[in-house]
Each structure stands twice: as structure tokens, then as C-alpha cells.
Amino acid sequence: MQFILTFSCPDKAGIVAGVTTVLAQQGADITETHQFSDRSTGQLFMRLAFSTPENTSMADIKTCLAPVAEQFGMNMRLHDAAVLPRMIIMVSRFDHALLNLLYQVRVGWLRAEIVAIVSNHQDSEATARQAGIPYYYWPVNAQNKTEQEDKLRALVHTTQTDLIVLARYMQVLSDSLSAEFSGRIINIHHSFLPSFKGARPYHQAYARGVKLIGATAHYVTADLDEGPIIEQETARVSHNLSPDDYIATGRGIESQVLARAVKLHTEHRVMLNGHRTIIFS
């Protein structure tokens, strides 16, 4: 049995010893450990991966850890590493990030189950059909936005989805939906923000002669494109490239950054620390 334990709590002496002693009493073998003490907040963040004898259940581990969690005031989560996280991918017309996620799942680099693809366009329906994934075409406008988000809520619950991935989904989610699934929605966008907002950002960047372009993957909050950052990357560009070259470079970076962010989340390597994230990579 393989488990992943994450927790945060006020930092003080004895926490690590308390947790590892309980795990040792259960015959656990710790295979990976990361910890970070935030001096500005006094909080300790920790992730442990461990294996146990086959007859040990998740309920057994939770019961044994409960006293130490209460003693130190821990916000604790225990995950069965054998259970694949379930995710819904949302996409509009640009499908490069979607295609990369499908590929990474197919080859096993990204251990997750894609339970549905949702779009406000029909462009990726054939892709979903080829992959054997249910496709939901839900066009969005000002009149039906609430109705379509209610459909998404229902789909999340019926499929027991753990994560929603916005793979270049070009609709703004409502504040209520963002709050309801806080820490469970990941978005990808170019890294020019707050500059070059709106349509054709790469053309705007080209016109201004920028030398670096990039992408940012972050959790979705009510503050548009300002949620806690999970992953970023940049690439250098020069004057001899065209706007189409900028776009092509951006597509590659967006695809890679989103896939890495999703992998970090599904492996429970991301912990929220206010408006920031702790990444145990």
C-alpha cells in the first residue's frame, strides 16, 4: 500500500518526530519526504510518501494519526497513491494544451483519469471521440452562463472529479464557481500580464519588441488571472521572429507549463500558503 500524507500546522518542536513515530508503529517505510517552515507565518508544511504492509487500510492510518494531528493543530490530508485523480478538461478553440495533456496521460507520465472534456465550441469533439472521452458542448453567453455553470457543477459531482483544468478555455468563470472549487481549478495563460491584455497578446508583444515570452499556470480565484501560481516558464525571442513565431513558441510553453502544473497537483506536491504556493518537486 502506497500513501501520500500532506499537512500544515503552526511550527514547533516535535512535529516530525510525532508523525514519523506513528507511521513507524504501523510498519510504514517512508520513501520520500519534503518540509518547509515559513518564518513569516510560523507555519510548517510537509509532504511524506510512504508504504505500509498490505493489510493496512487508509482508515487505519487516519485513526492512528488523529491524536498527533489534534495535538499540533494540523490541517492534514491522506491520499491513496494507487487511486488516479479524476479531472475534467475545459477547452475553447486552441487545442494545443489539451492535446499535450491527452498525450501525457496516454504515455503514463501524467497519472490521472480524464473523465470529460467540456467546451463552448465543437472543434475538439473529434479529438475527444478518438480518445474515448465524453465530450460536452456547452456554448456560453450572457443569458445562459449560470445554467451552463450549473451543468458543470453537476458533472463534477456525478463524475467525482478532483480537478478542473482550463486548457485555454476562453470563458471567465463566475466568482461563485471559482470559490466553490477553490484549489481545484488550474488555468494557463501567457505571462505578459498585466501587460498586453485582451485579444492577440502575442501580436501586441511583437509590436512592442519584447525579448521574453512565457506562460503561467495558476489556481483560479475570483481575481481574474491572479490566483496562486503553480508553474511558470519563459523563452527568449528576438527581432528576427514573426508574430506567428511568437505564437508557436507560446503554444509550446503553455502546453508544457500546464502539464507540469497538473502533474504537481495530482501528485499532491502543491500546498497553498495564502496567496502563494509551496511546491515540493
C-alpha atoms as a PDB file:
ATOM      1  CA  MET A   1       0.000   0.000   0.000  1.00  0.00           C
ATOM      2  CA  GLN A   2       1.332   3.408  -1.024  1.00  0.00           C
ATOM      3  CA  PHE A   3       0.156   6.609   0.634  1.00  0.00           C
ATOM      4  CA  ILE A   4       0.905  10.342   0.452  1.00  0.00           C
ATOM      5  CA  LEU A   5       0.446  12.481   3.558  1.00  0.00           C
ATOM      6  CA  THR A   6       0.399  16.276   3.443  1.00  0.00           C
ATOM      7  CA  PHE A   7      -0.159  18.621   6.346  1.00  0.00           C
ATOM      8  CA  SER A   8       0.401  22.137   7.596  1.00  0.00           C
ATOM      9  CA  CYS A   9       0.341  23.460  11.131  1.00  0.00           C
ATOM     10  CA  PRO A  10       1.987  26.008  13.436  1.00  0.00           C
ATOM     11  CA  ASP A  11       5.674  25.116  13.576  1.00  0.00           C
ATOM     12  CA  LYS A  12       7.047  23.818  16.858  1.00  0.00           C
ATOM     13  CA  ALA A  13       9.379  21.126  18.144  1.00  0.00           C
ATOM     14  CA  GLY A  14       8.270  17.504  17.971  1.00  0.00           C
ATOM     15  CA  ILE A  15       6.001  17.581  14.921  1.00  0.00           C
ATOM     16  CA  VAL A  16       8.124  15.487  12.559  1.00  0.00           C
ATOM     17  CA  ALA A  17       9.021  13.063  15.328  1.00  0.00           C
ATOM     18  CA  GLY A  18       5.366  12.701  16.291  1.00  0.00           C
ATOM     19  CA  VAL A  19       4.238  11.873  12.766  1.00  0.00           C
ATOM     20  CA  THR A  20       7.104   9.562  11.855  1.00  0.00           C
ATOM     21  CA  THR A  21       6.837   7.672  15.147  1.00  0.00           C
ATOM     22  CA  VAL A  22       3.169   6.909  14.468  1.00  0.00           C
ATOM     23  CA  LEU A  23       3.987   5.765  10.937  1.00  0.00           C
ATOM     24  CA  ALA A  24       6.828   3.556  12.172  1.00  0.00           C
ATOM     25  CA  GLN A  25       4.458   1.905  14.647  1.00  0.00           C
ATOM     26  CA  GLN A  26       2.275   0.972  11.672  1.00  0.00           C
ATOM     27  CA  GLY A  27       5.220  -0.623   9.901  1.00  0.00           C
ATOM     28  CA  ALA A  28       5.442   2.206   7.353  1.00  0.00           C
ATOM     29  CA  ASP A  29       8.514   2.747   5.202  1.00  0.00           C
ATOM     30  CA  ILE A  30       8.950   6.443   4.346  1.00  0.00           C
ATOM     31  CA  THR A  31      10.127   6.689   0.730  1.00  0.00           C
ATOM     32  CA  GLU A  32      10.103  10.464   0.207  1.00  0.00           C
ATOM     33  CA  THR A  33       9.840  13.491   2.472  1.00  0.00           C
ATOM     34  CA  HIS A  34       9.782  17.269   1.994  1.00  0.00           C
ATOM     35  CA  GLN A  35       9.197  20.026   4.503  1.00  0.00           C
ATOM     36  CA  PHE A  36       9.231  23.808   4.604  1.00  0.00           C
ATOM     37  CA  SER A  37       8.974  26.174   7.553  1.00  0.00           C
ATOM     38  CA  ASP A  38       7.632  29.603   6.623  1.00  0.00           C
ATOM     39  CA  ARG A  39       9.292  32.010   9.032  1.00  0.00           C
ATOM     40  CA  SER A  40       6.978  34.860   8.042  1.00  0.00           C
ATOM     41  CA  THR A  41       3.850  32.973   9.129  1.00  0.00           C
ATOM     42  CA  GLY A  42       5.268  30.425  11.549  1.00  0.00           C
ATOM     43  CA  GLN A  43       3.657  27.595   9.574  1.00  0.00           C
ATOM     44  CA  LEU A  44       5.205  24.217   8.789  1.00  0.00           C
ATOM     45  CA  PHE A  45       4.329  22.448   5.527  1.00  0.00           C
ATOM     46  CA  MET A  46       5.191  18.798   4.950  1.00  0.00           C
ATOM     47  CA  ARG A  47       4.687  16.019   2.399  1.00  0.00           C
ATOM     48  CA  LEU A  48       5.560  12.381   3.061  1.00  0.00           C
ATOM     49  CA  ALA A  49       5.246   9.391   0.744  1.00  0.00           C
ATOM     50  CA  PHE A  50       5.306   6.025   2.448  1.00  0.00           C
ATOM     51  CA  SER A  51       4.387   2.368   2.018  1.00  0.00           C
ATOM     52  CA  THR A  52       2.707   0.076   4.541  1.00  0.00           C
ATOM     53  CA  PRO A  53       2.019  -3.651   4.878  1.00  0.00           C
ATOM     54  CA  GLU A  54      -0.777  -4.845   2.592  1.00  0.00           C
ATOM     55  CA  ASN A  55      -3.272  -5.309   5.420  1.00  0.00           C
ATOM     56  CA  THR A  56      -3.070  -1.630   6.428  1.00  0.00           C
ATOM     57  CA  SER A  57      -6.016   0.498   5.310  1.00  0.00           C
ATOM     58  CA  MET A  58      -6.327   4.260   4.874  1.00  0.00           C
ATOM     59  CA  ALA A  59      -8.791   4.271   7.761  1.00  0.00           C
ATOM     60  CA  ASP A  60      -6.170   2.615   9.981  1.00  0.00           C
ATOM     61  CA  ILE A  61      -3.601   5.294   9.152  1.00  0.00           C
ATOM     62  CA  LYS A  62      -6.080   8.135   9.712  1.00  0.00           C
ATOM     63  CA  THR A  63      -7.112   6.718  13.076  1.00  0.00           C
ATOM     64  CA  CYS A  64      -3.511   6.406  14.241  1.00  0.00           C
ATOM     65  CA  LEU A  65      -2.594   9.904  13.046  1.00  0.00           C
ATOM     66  CA  ALA A  66      -5.662  11.602  14.558  1.00  0.00           C
ATOM     67  CA  PRO A  67      -4.139  12.190  18.041  1.00  0.00           C
ATOM     68  CA  VAL A  68      -0.938  13.782  16.701  1.00  0.00           C
ATOM     69  CA  ALA A  69      -2.973  15.873  14.238  1.00  0.00           C
ATOM     70  CA  GLU A  70      -5.108  17.179  17.074  1.00  0.00           C
ATOM     71  CA  GLN A  71      -2.090  17.759  19.312  1.00  0.00           C
ATOM     72  CA  PHE A  72      -0.350  20.021  16.783  1.00  0.00           C
ATOM     73  CA  GLY A  73      -3.446  21.559  15.155  1.00  0.00           C
ATOM     74  CA  MET A  74      -2.713  20.054  11.757  1.00  0.00           C
ATOM     75  CA  ASN A  75      -4.593  20.569   8.521  1.00  0.00           C
ATOM     76  CA  MET A  76      -3.921  17.042   7.274  1.00  0.00           C
ATOM     77  CA  ARG A  77      -4.763  15.104   4.119  1.00  0.00           C
ATOM     78  CA  LEU A  78      -4.032  11.458   3.364  1.00  0.00           C
ATOM     79  CA  HIS A  79      -4.125  10.096  -0.187  1.00  0.00           C
ATOM     80  CA  ASP A  80      -4.024   6.579  -1.603  1.00  0.00           C
ATOM     81  CA  ALA A  81      -1.284   6.817  -4.245  1.00  0.00           C
ATOM     82  CA  ALA A  82      -2.858   3.996  -6.263  1.00  0.00           C
ATOM     83  CA  VAL A  83      -6.064   5.964  -6.884  1.00  0.00           C
ATOM     84  CA  LEU A  84      -5.889   8.048 -10.057  1.00  0.00           C
ATOM     85  CA  PRO A  85      -7.122  11.641  -9.651  1.00  0.00           C
ATOM     86  CA  ARG A  86     -10.119  12.354 -11.867  1.00  0.00           C
ATOM     87  CA  MET A  87     -10.168  15.524 -13.953  1.00  0.00           C
ATOM     88  CA  ILE A  88     -12.325  17.467 -16.383  1.00  0.00           C
ATOM     89  CA  ILE A  89     -10.536  19.411 -19.120  1.00  0.00           C
ATOM     90  CA  MET A  90     -12.209  22.566 -20.453  1.00  0.00           C
ATOM     91  CA  VAL A  91     -11.107  23.997 -23.791  1.00  0.00           C
ATOM     92  CA  SER A  92     -12.250  26.505 -26.396  1.00  0.00           C
ATOM     93  CA  ARG A  93     -10.758  26.572 -29.896  1.00  0.00           C
ATOM     94  CA  PHE A  94      -6.998  26.440 -29.294  1.00  0.00           C
ATOM     95  CA  ASP A  95      -6.348  22.769 -28.514  1.00  0.00           C
ATOM     96  CA  HIS A  96      -2.555  22.581 -28.085  1.00  0.00           C
ATOM     97  CA  ALA A  97      -2.694  22.343 -24.268  1.00  0.00           C
ATOM     98  CA  LEU A  98      -5.498  19.764 -24.415  1.00  0.00           C
ATOM     99  CA  LEU A  99      -3.613  17.583 -26.899  1.00  0.00           C
ATOM    100  CA  ASN A 100      -0.497  17.593 -24.738  1.00  0.00           C
ATOM    101  CA  LEU A 101      -2.466  16.586 -21.638  1.00  0.00           C
ATOM    102  CA  LEU A 102      -4.093  13.722 -23.539  1.00  0.00           C
ATOM    103  CA  TYR A 103      -0.689  12.553 -24.732  1.00  0.00           C
ATOM    104  CA  GLN A 104       0.947  12.756 -21.298  1.00  0.00           C
ATOM    105  CA  VAL A 105      -1.897  10.728 -19.783  1.00  0.00           C
ATOM    106  CA  ARG A 106      -1.712   8.172 -22.584  1.00  0.00           C
ATOM    107  CA  VAL A 107       2.024   7.543 -22.150  1.00  0.00           C
ATOM    108  CA  GLY A 108       1.734   7.392 -18.355  1.00  0.00           C
ATOM    109  CA  TRP A 109       3.809  10.453 -17.459  1.00  0.00           C
ATOM    110  CA  LEU A 110       0.687  12.098 -16.050  1.00  0.00           C
ATOM    111  CA  ARG A 111      -1.161   9.670 -13.792  1.00  0.00           C
ATOM    112  CA  ALA A 112      -4.757  10.845 -13.985  1.00  0.00           C
ATOM    113  CA  GLU A 113      -8.121   9.857 -15.431  1.00  0.00           C
ATOM    114  CA  ILE A 114      -9.766  12.340 -17.793  1.00  0.00           C
ATOM    115  CA  VAL A 115     -13.484  11.831 -17.198  1.00  0.00           C
ATOM    116  CA  ALA A 116     -14.792  14.523 -19.567  1.00  0.00           C
ATOM    117  CA  ILE A 117     -13.883  17.295 -21.976  1.00  0.00           C
ATOM    118  CA  VAL A 118     -16.106  20.388 -21.823  1.00  0.00           C
ATOM    119  CA  SER A 119     -16.085  23.114 -24.465  1.00  0.00           C
ATOM    120  CA  ASN A 120     -18.016  26.126 -25.637  1.00  0.00           C
ATOM    121  CA  HIS A 121     -17.120  25.114 -29.207  1.00  0.00           C
ATOM    122  CA  GLN A 122     -17.327  21.870 -31.181  1.00  0.00           C
ATOM    123  CA  ASP A 123     -13.756  21.983 -32.518  1.00  0.00           C
ATOM    124  CA  SER A 124     -12.337  19.270 -30.201  1.00  0.00           C
ATOM    125  CA  GLU A 125     -15.250  16.837 -30.407  1.00  0.00           C
ATOM    126  CA  ALA A 126     -13.425  14.523 -32.831  1.00  0.00           C
ATOM    127  CA  THR A 127     -10.361  14.557 -30.568  1.00  0.00           C
ATOM    128  CA  ALA A 128     -12.465  13.503 -27.590  1.00  0.00           C
ATOM    129  CA  ARG A 129     -14.215  10.791 -29.596  1.00  0.00           C
ATOM    130  CA  GLN A 130     -10.876   9.373 -30.753  1.00  0.00           C
ATOM    131  CA  ALA A 131      -9.644   9.302 -27.141  1.00  0.00           C
ATOM    132  CA  GLY A 132     -12.869   7.685 -25.927  1.00  0.00           C
ATOM    133  CA  ILE A 133     -13.672  10.573 -23.577  1.00  0.00           C
ATOM    134  CA  PRO A 134     -17.189  12.035 -23.183  1.00  0.00           C
ATOM    135  CA  TYR A 135     -17.486  15.457 -24.807  1.00  0.00           C
ATOM    136  CA  TYR A 136     -19.877  18.151 -23.640  1.00  0.00           C
ATOM    137  CA  TYR A 137     -20.574  21.036 -25.995  1.00  0.00           C
ATOM    138  CA  TRP A 138     -21.992  23.847 -23.870  1.00  0.00           C
ATOM    139  CA  PRO A 139     -21.991  27.211 -25.675  1.00  0.00           C
ATOM    140  CA  VAL A 140     -21.855  30.141 -23.263  1.00  0.00           C
ATOM    141  CA  ASN A 141     -23.403  33.586 -23.494  1.00  0.00           C
ATOM    142  CA  ALA A 142     -24.590  36.212 -21.052  1.00  0.00           C
ATOM    143  CA  GLN A 143     -28.064  34.697 -20.925  1.00  0.00           C
ATOM    144  CA  ASN A 144     -27.128  31.063 -20.207  1.00  0.00           C
ATOM    145  CA  LYS A 145     -23.855  31.386 -18.262  1.00  0.00           C
ATOM    146  CA  THR A 146     -25.448  30.462 -14.918  1.00  0.00           C
ATOM    147  CA  GLU A 147     -27.261  27.486 -16.451  1.00  0.00           C
ATOM    148  CA  GLN A 148     -24.076  26.166 -18.089  1.00  0.00           C
ATOM    149  CA  GLU A 149     -22.087  26.514 -14.867  1.00  0.00           C
ATOM    150  CA  ASP A 150     -24.808  24.561 -13.048  1.00  0.00           C
ATOM    151  CA  LYS A 151     -24.308  21.799 -15.632  1.00  0.00           C
ATOM    152  CA  LEU A 152     -20.589  21.852 -14.857  1.00  0.00           C
ATOM    153  CA  ARG A 153     -21.270  21.607 -11.122  1.00  0.00           C
ATOM    154  CA  ALA A 154     -23.499  18.593 -11.712  1.00  0.00           C
ATOM    155  CA  LEU A 155     -20.890  16.959 -13.949  1.00  0.00           C
ATOM    156  CA  VAL A 156     -18.178  17.457 -11.319  1.00  0.00           C
ATOM    157  CA  HIS A 157     -20.321  15.780  -8.686  1.00  0.00           C
ATOM    158  CA  THR A 158     -21.598  12.878 -10.811  1.00  0.00           C
ATOM    159  CA  THR A 159     -18.103  12.049 -12.097  1.00  0.00           C
ATOM    160  CA  GLN A 160     -16.485  12.623  -8.673  1.00  0.00           C
ATOM    161  CA  THR A 161     -13.997  14.947 -10.328  1.00  0.00           C
ATOM    162  CA  ASP A 162     -10.997  16.070  -8.281  1.00  0.00           C
ATOM    163  CA  LEU A 163      -9.600  18.725 -10.634  1.00  0.00           C
ATOM    164  CA  ILE A 164     -10.852  21.047 -13.377  1.00  0.00           C
ATOM    165  CA  VAL A 165      -8.210  22.075 -15.931  1.00  0.00           C
ATOM    166  CA  LEU A 166      -8.751  25.136 -18.108  1.00  0.00           C
ATOM    167  CA  ALA A 167      -6.660  24.239 -21.162  1.00  0.00           C
ATOM    168  CA  ARG A 168      -7.115  27.565 -22.961  1.00  0.00           C
ATOM    169  CA  TYR A 169     -10.802  27.797 -22.045  1.00  0.00           C
ATOM    170  CA  MET A 170     -11.626  31.351 -23.046  1.00  0.00           C
ATOM    171  CA  GLN A 171     -14.566  31.997 -20.747  1.00  0.00           C
ATOM    172  CA  VAL A 172     -14.325  33.689 -17.350  1.00  0.00           C
ATOM    173  CA  LEU A 173     -15.751  31.533 -14.567  1.00  0.00           C
ATOM    174  CA  SER A 174     -18.093  33.183 -12.099  1.00  0.00           C
ATOM    175  CA  ASP A 175     -16.865  34.199  -8.658  1.00  0.00           C
ATOM    176  CA  SER A 176     -19.218  31.682  -7.035  1.00  0.00           C
ATOM    177  CA  LEU A 177     -17.910  28.764  -9.119  1.00  0.00           C
ATOM    178  CA  SER A 178     -14.294  29.796  -8.531  1.00  0.00           C
ATOM    179  CA  ALA A 179     -14.907  29.959  -4.779  1.00  0.00           C
ATOM    180  CA  GLU A 180     -16.798  26.651  -4.685  1.00  0.00           C
ATOM    181  CA  PHE A 181     -13.910  24.770  -6.285  1.00  0.00           C
ATOM    182  CA  SER A 182     -11.090  26.791  -4.744  1.00  0.00           C
ATOM    183  CA  GLY A 183      -7.775  24.965  -5.092  1.00  0.00           C
ATOM    184  CA  ARG A 184      -9.332  22.559  -7.624  1.00  0.00           C
ATOM    185  CA  ILE A 185      -9.233  24.617 -10.846  1.00  0.00           C
ATOM    186  CA  ILE A 186      -5.996  25.227 -12.753  1.00  0.00           C
ATOM    187  CA  ASN A 187      -5.698  27.772 -15.579  1.00  0.00           C
ATOM    188  CA  ILE A 188      -2.963  28.525 -18.114  1.00  0.00           C
ATOM    189  CA  HIS A 189      -2.261  31.881 -19.746  1.00  0.00           C
ATOM    190  CA  HIS A 190       0.597  33.816 -21.298  1.00  0.00           C
ATOM    191  CA  SER A 191       2.946  35.575 -18.875  1.00  0.00           C
ATOM    192  CA  PHE A 192       2.641  39.073 -20.333  1.00  0.00           C
ATOM    193  CA  LEU A 193       0.025  40.060 -17.774  1.00  0.00           C
ATOM    194  CA  PRO A 194      -0.655  42.698 -16.571  1.00  0.00           C
ATOM    195  CA  SER A 195       0.643  43.984 -19.935  1.00  0.00           C
ATOM    196  CA  PHE A 196      -0.951  43.067 -23.274  1.00  0.00           C
ATOM    197  CA  LYS A 197      -4.407  42.212 -22.012  1.00  0.00           C
ATOM    198  CA  GLY A 198      -7.241  41.233 -24.331  1.00  0.00           C
ATOM    199  CA  ALA A 199      -7.117  39.791 -27.818  1.00  0.00           C
ATOM    200  CA  ARG A 200      -3.963  38.900 -29.785  1.00  0.00           C
ATOM    201  CA  PRO A 201      -1.480  39.279 -26.907  1.00  0.00           C
ATOM    202  CA  TYR A 202       1.405  37.810 -28.900  1.00  0.00           C
ATOM    203  CA  HIS A 203       0.857  40.340 -31.663  1.00  0.00           C
ATOM    204  CA  GLN A 204       0.867  43.094 -29.035  1.00  0.00           C
ATOM    205  CA  ALA A 205       4.115  41.716 -27.604  1.00  0.00           C
ATOM    206  CA  TYR A 206       5.658  41.562 -31.072  1.00  0.00           C
ATOM    207  CA  ALA A 207       4.692  45.177 -31.732  1.00  0.00           C
ATOM    208  CA  ARG A 208       6.406  46.237 -28.502  1.00  0.00           C
ATOM    209  CA  GLY A 209       9.538  44.215 -29.237  1.00  0.00           C
ATOM    210  CA  VAL A 210       9.539  42.091 -26.064  1.00  0.00           C
ATOM    211  CA  LYS A 211      12.561  39.826 -25.557  1.00  0.00           C
ATOM    212  CA  LEU A 212      10.981  37.212 -23.290  1.00  0.00           C
ATOM    213  CA  ILE A 213       7.673  35.390 -23.629  1.00  0.00           C
ATOM    214  CA  GLY A 214       6.277  32.767 -21.307  1.00  0.00           C
ATOM    215  CA  ALA A 215       3.340  31.097 -19.614  1.00  0.00           C
ATOM    216  CA  THR A 216       1.883  30.871 -16.119  1.00  0.00           C
ATOM    217  CA  ALA A 217      -0.241  28.086 -14.612  1.00  0.00           C
ATOM    218  CA  HIS A 218      -2.186  29.073 -11.516  1.00  0.00           C
ATOM    219  CA  TYR A 219      -5.180  28.207  -9.390  1.00  0.00           C
ATOM    220  CA  VAL A 220      -8.358  30.043 -10.333  1.00  0.00           C
ATOM    221  CA  THR A 221      -9.777  32.610  -7.917  1.00  0.00           C
ATOM    222  CA  ALA A 222     -12.283  35.415  -8.187  1.00  0.00           C
ATOM    223  CA  ASP A 223      -9.359  37.720  -9.050  1.00  0.00           C
ATOM    224  CA  LEU A 224      -9.002  37.119 -12.783  1.00  0.00           C
ATOM    225  CA  ASP A 225      -5.625  35.538 -13.676  1.00  0.00           C
ATOM    226  CA  GLU A 226      -4.214  36.412 -10.244  1.00  0.00           C
ATOM    227  CA  GLY A 227      -4.596  33.125  -8.351  1.00  0.00           C
ATOM    228  CA  PRO A 228      -1.711  31.337  -6.594  1.00  0.00           C
ATOM    229  CA  ILE A 229       0.985  30.456  -9.135  1.00  0.00           C
ATOM    230  CA  ILE A 230       1.976  26.801  -9.574  1.00  0.00           C
ATOM    231  CA  GLU A 231       4.393  26.819 -12.507  1.00  0.00           C
ATOM    232  CA  GLN A 232       5.982  29.260 -14.970  1.00  0.00           C
ATOM    233  CA  GLU A 233       8.463  29.273 -17.824  1.00  0.00           C
ATOM    234  CA  THR A 234       9.930  31.789 -20.254  1.00  0.00           C
ATOM    235  CA  ALA A 235      11.713  31.673 -23.606  1.00  0.00           C
ATOM    236  CA  ARG A 236      13.884  34.294 -25.269  1.00  0.00           C
ATOM    237  CA  VAL A 237      12.711  35.771 -28.575  1.00  0.00           C
ATOM    238  CA  SER A 238      14.380  38.239 -30.913  1.00  0.00           C
ATOM    239  CA  HIS A 239      13.650  40.850 -33.568  1.00  0.00           C
ATOM    240  CA  ASN A 240      14.014  38.404 -36.443  1.00  0.00           C
ATOM    241  CA  LEU A 241      10.957  36.371 -35.402  1.00  0.00           C
ATOM    242  CA  SER A 242       7.471  36.975 -36.747  1.00  0.00           C
ATOM    243  CA  PRO A 243       4.225  37.203 -34.741  1.00  0.00           C
ATOM    244  CA  ASP A 244       3.480  33.635 -35.865  1.00  0.00           C
ATOM    245  CA  ASP A 245       6.832  32.550 -34.407  1.00  0.00           C
ATOM    246  CA  TYR A 246       5.874  34.185 -31.121  1.00  0.00           C
ATOM    247  CA  ILE A 247       2.561  32.326 -31.130  1.00  0.00           C
ATOM    248  CA  ALA A 248       4.220  28.986 -31.927  1.00  0.00           C
ATOM    249  CA  THR A 249       6.740  29.449 -29.123  1.00  0.00           C
ATOM    250  CA  GLY A 250       3.938  30.438 -26.757  1.00  0.00           C
ATOM    251  CA  ARG A 251       1.895  27.355 -27.642  1.00  0.00           C
ATOM    252  CA  GLY A 252       4.778  25.078 -26.735  1.00  0.00           C
ATOM    253  CA  ILE A 253       5.456  26.809 -23.438  1.00  0.00           C
ATOM    254  CA  GLU A 254       1.774  26.901 -22.466  1.00  0.00           C
ATOM    255  CA  SER A 255       1.410  23.173 -23.137  1.00  0.00           C
ATOM    256  CA  GLN A 256       4.467  22.232 -21.097  1.00  0.00           C
ATOM    257  CA  VAL A 257       3.758  24.548 -18.172  1.00  0.00           C
ATOM    258  CA  LEU A 258       0.145  23.403 -17.835  1.00  0.00           C
ATOM    259  CA  ALA A 259       1.106  19.723 -17.944  1.00  0.00           C
ATOM    260  CA  ARG A 260       3.754  20.217 -15.259  1.00  0.00           C
ATOM    261  CA  ALA A 261       1.320  22.143 -13.053  1.00  0.00           C
ATOM    262  CA  VAL A 262      -1.317  19.423 -13.371  1.00  0.00           C
ATOM    263  CA  LYS A 263       1.269  16.749 -12.580  1.00  0.00           C
ATOM    264  CA  LEU A 264       2.400  18.620  -9.466  1.00  0.00           C
ATOM    265  CA  HIS A 265      -1.205  18.935  -8.306  1.00  0.00           C
ATOM    266  CA  THR A 266      -2.183  15.327  -8.991  1.00  0.00           C
ATOM    267  CA  GLU A 267       0.902  14.097  -7.136  1.00  0.00           C
ATOM    268  CA  HIS A 268      -0.121  16.270  -4.154  1.00  0.00           C
ATOM    269  CA  ARG A 269       3.070  18.321  -4.359  1.00  0.00           C
ATOM    270  CA  VAL A 270       1.336  21.713  -4.170  1.00  0.00           C
ATOM    271  CA  MET A 271       0.273  23.267  -0.881  1.00  0.00           C
ATOM    272  CA  LEU A 272      -1.483  26.605  -0.613  1.00  0.00           C
ATOM    273  CA  ASN A 273       0.100  29.195   1.635  1.00  0.00           C
ATOM    274  CA  GLY A 274      -2.194  32.204   1.465  1.00  0.00           C
ATOM    275  CA  HIS A 275      -1.761  33.757  -1.978  1.00  0.00           C
ATOM    276  CA  ARG A 276       1.380  31.705  -2.600  1.00  0.00           C
ATOM    277  CA  THR A 277       2.096  28.026  -3.161  1.00  0.00           C
ATOM    278  CA  ILE A 278       4.591  25.634  -1.628  1.00  0.00           C
ATOM    279  CA  ILE A 279       5.890  23.270  -4.334  1.00  0.00           C
ATOM    280  CA  PHE A 280       7.541  20.034  -3.246  1.00  0.00           C
ATOM    281  CA  SER A 281       9.064  18.913  -6.553  1.00  0.00           C
END
